[in-house]
Amino acid sequence: MAAASPVPESVAFLPARDSSIVFVLRLEGLVTAAVTAVLYARTGASWWLFAALWLAPDLSMLGYLAGPCRGARVYNAIHSYVGPVALAIGALVLHAERFLPAALIWINHIAVDRLLGFGLKYADGFGYTHLGRVGKQRA
């Protein structure tokens, strides 16, 4: 017996890429990326650090080596705003400002991913996201 897909059939065939909701989510990514870049510049941290750490969240794709379901869970956990926002709040509350640049880089990475259409993943495979299908479409 095959497991049911986590993507409801009524949603799976909708052209999510063309919807106004996806436009708003991508615009949100643009604004968030711009704000975090400005805030990062105000921290005085090195732009070399920014460049060195910017792709670090994509190491979560290694979770796909354990299968699409586990990979989606790991990827989504790292590509959610919850972790970096908690890190930023913790840095400010605990007066550990040295962690604030890392949080801003992390948030910026997620925002740029959303701007480019790389959304949170469904267990069906890497190309199935909350922003629509990524990659080549099958006929």
Protein backbone atom coordinates (compact mmCIF):
# COMPACT_ATOMS: atom_id res chain seq x y z
CA MET A 1 0.00 0.00 0.00
CA ALA A 2 1.48 3.33 -1.05
CA ALA A 3 1.69 6.18 1.42
CA ALA A 4 -0.52 9.16 0.74
CA SER A 5 1.20 12.23 -0.66
CA PRO A 6 1.52 15.15 1.78
CA VAL A 7 0.46 17.44 -1.07
CA PRO A 8 -3.34 17.47 -1.29
CA GLU A 9 -4.55 16.61 -4.78
CA SER A 10 -6.56 19.84 -4.98
CA VAL A 11 -3.36 21.84 -4.42
CA ALA A 12 -0.89 19.65 -6.32
CA PHE A 13 -2.19 20.66 -9.73
CA LEU A 14 -2.68 24.37 -9.13
CA PRO A 15 -0.21 26.61 -10.95
CA ALA A 16 1.23 28.07 -7.73
CA ARG A 17 3.99 29.93 -9.56
CA ASP A 18 1.43 32.12 -11.28
CA SER A 19 -0.64 33.02 -8.24
CA SER A 20 -0.67 36.42 -6.57
CA ILE A 21 0.14 34.73 -3.26
CA VAL A 22 3.47 33.54 -4.64
CA PHE A 23 4.16 37.08 -5.86
CA VAL A 24 3.55 38.40 -2.34
CA LEU A 25 5.81 35.70 -0.83
CA ARG A 26 8.59 36.54 -3.28
CA LEU A 27 8.16 40.27 -2.59
CA GLU A 28 8.39 39.46 1.11
CA GLY A 29 11.68 37.67 0.37
CA LEU A 30 13.01 40.72 -1.47
CA VAL A 31 12.13 43.09 1.36
CA THR A 32 13.52 40.75 4.02
CA ALA A 33 16.76 40.28 2.08
CA ALA A 34 17.18 44.05 1.69
CA VAL A 35 16.45 44.79 5.36
CA THR A 36 18.81 42.08 6.62
CA ALA A 37 21.60 43.30 4.30
CA VAL A 38 21.21 46.86 5.65
CA LEU A 39 21.13 45.62 9.25
CA TYR A 40 24.18 43.45 8.59
CA ALA A 41 26.07 46.46 7.23
CA ARG A 42 25.19 48.35 10.42
CA THR A 43 26.73 45.60 12.60
CA GLY A 44 30.15 46.40 11.16
CA ALA A 45 30.85 42.71 10.57
CA SER A 46 33.07 41.65 7.68
CA TRP A 47 31.50 41.10 4.28
CA TRP A 48 33.96 38.21 3.93
CA LEU A 49 32.11 36.56 6.82
CA PHE A 50 28.84 37.20 4.98
CA ALA A 51 30.19 35.54 1.83
CA ALA A 52 31.70 32.63 3.76
CA LEU A 53 28.54 31.78 5.71
CA TRP A 54 25.85 32.64 3.17
CA LEU A 55 25.61 29.15 1.65
CA ALA A 56 25.94 27.31 4.99
CA PRO A 57 22.15 26.69 5.33
CA ASP A 58 22.25 24.76 2.05
CA LEU A 59 24.30 22.05 3.76
CA SER A 60 20.88 20.93 5.02
CA MET A 61 20.36 19.42 1.56
CA LEU A 62 22.61 16.61 2.73
CA GLY A 63 19.53 15.36 4.59
CA TYR A 64 18.25 14.16 1.22
CA LEU A 65 20.90 11.41 1.38
CA ALA A 66 18.56 9.77 3.94
CA GLY A 67 15.59 10.01 1.56
CA PRO A 68 13.12 12.65 0.42
CA CYS A 69 11.00 12.67 3.58
CA ARG A 70 13.94 13.06 5.96
CA GLY A 71 15.61 15.48 3.57
CA ALA A 72 12.54 17.71 3.44
CA ARG A 73 12.33 17.77 7.24
CA VAL A 74 15.98 18.73 7.67
CA TYR A 75 15.85 21.31 4.86
CA ASN A 76 12.65 22.87 6.20
CA ALA A 77 13.98 23.03 9.76
CA ILE A 78 17.02 24.99 8.59
CA HIS A 79 15.10 27.10 6.04
CA SER A 80 12.48 28.31 8.50
CA TYR A 81 12.81 31.77 10.04
CA VAL A 82 12.33 30.31 13.55
CA GLY A 83 15.99 29.36 14.12
CA PRO A 84 17.68 32.57 12.97
CA VAL A 85 15.11 34.81 14.64
CA ALA A 86 15.61 32.91 17.92
CA LEU A 87 19.37 33.32 17.48
CA ALA A 88 19.00 37.06 16.85
CA ILE A 89 16.70 37.57 19.84
CA GLY A 90 19.01 35.50 22.03
CA ALA A 91 22.00 37.53 20.88
CA LEU A 92 20.27 40.79 21.75
CA VAL A 93 18.73 39.67 25.06
CA LEU A 94 21.90 37.98 26.30
CA HIS A 95 24.13 40.83 25.05
CA ALA A 96 26.03 38.39 22.84
CA GLU A 97 26.02 40.64 19.78
CA ARG A 98 28.75 38.58 18.11
CA PHE A 99 26.01 36.11 17.09
CA LEU A 100 23.81 38.75 15.46
CA PRO A 101 25.69 38.82 12.11
CA ALA A 102 25.27 35.02 11.76
CA ALA A 103 21.54 35.36 12.39
CA LEU A 104 21.23 38.13 9.79
CA ILE A 105 23.19 36.08 7.22
CA TRP A 106 20.92 33.10 7.87
CA ILE A 107 17.76 35.18 7.51
CA ASN A 108 19.14 36.78 4.35
CA HIS A 109 19.82 33.36 2.84
CA ILE A 110 16.27 32.19 3.51
CA ALA A 111 14.84 35.43 2.10
CA VAL A 112 16.85 35.17 -1.13
CA ASP A 113 15.79 31.54 -1.49
CA ARG A 114 12.14 32.60 -1.22
CA LEU A 115 12.71 35.46 -3.66
CA LEU A 116 14.11 32.98 -6.19
CA GLY A 117 11.24 30.53 -5.67
CA PHE A 118 12.99 27.93 -3.53
CA GLY A 119 10.36 27.36 -0.90
CA LEU A 120 9.87 24.88 1.89
CA LYS A 121 9.92 21.31 0.60
CA TYR A 122 7.27 18.61 0.49
CA ALA A 123 8.30 14.98 1.08
CA ASP A 124 7.49 14.15 -2.57
CA GLY A 125 10.93 15.38 -3.62
CA PHE A 126 13.23 18.37 -3.66
CA GLY A 127 11.37 20.06 -6.51
CA TYR A 128 8.01 20.19 -4.73
CA THR A 129 7.81 23.39 -2.68
CA HIS A 130 5.20 25.61 -1.09
CA LEU A 131 5.98 28.14 -3.82
CA GLY A 132 5.30 25.70 -6.64
CA ARG A 133 7.37 23.21 -8.61
CA VAL A 134 11.10 23.91 -8.96
CA GLY A 135 13.08 22.66 -11.94
CA LYS A 136 12.00 21.24 -15.27
CA GLN A 137 8.29 20.50 -15.61
CA ARG A 138 7.29 17.18 -17.04
CA ALA A 139 4.86 17.23 -19.94
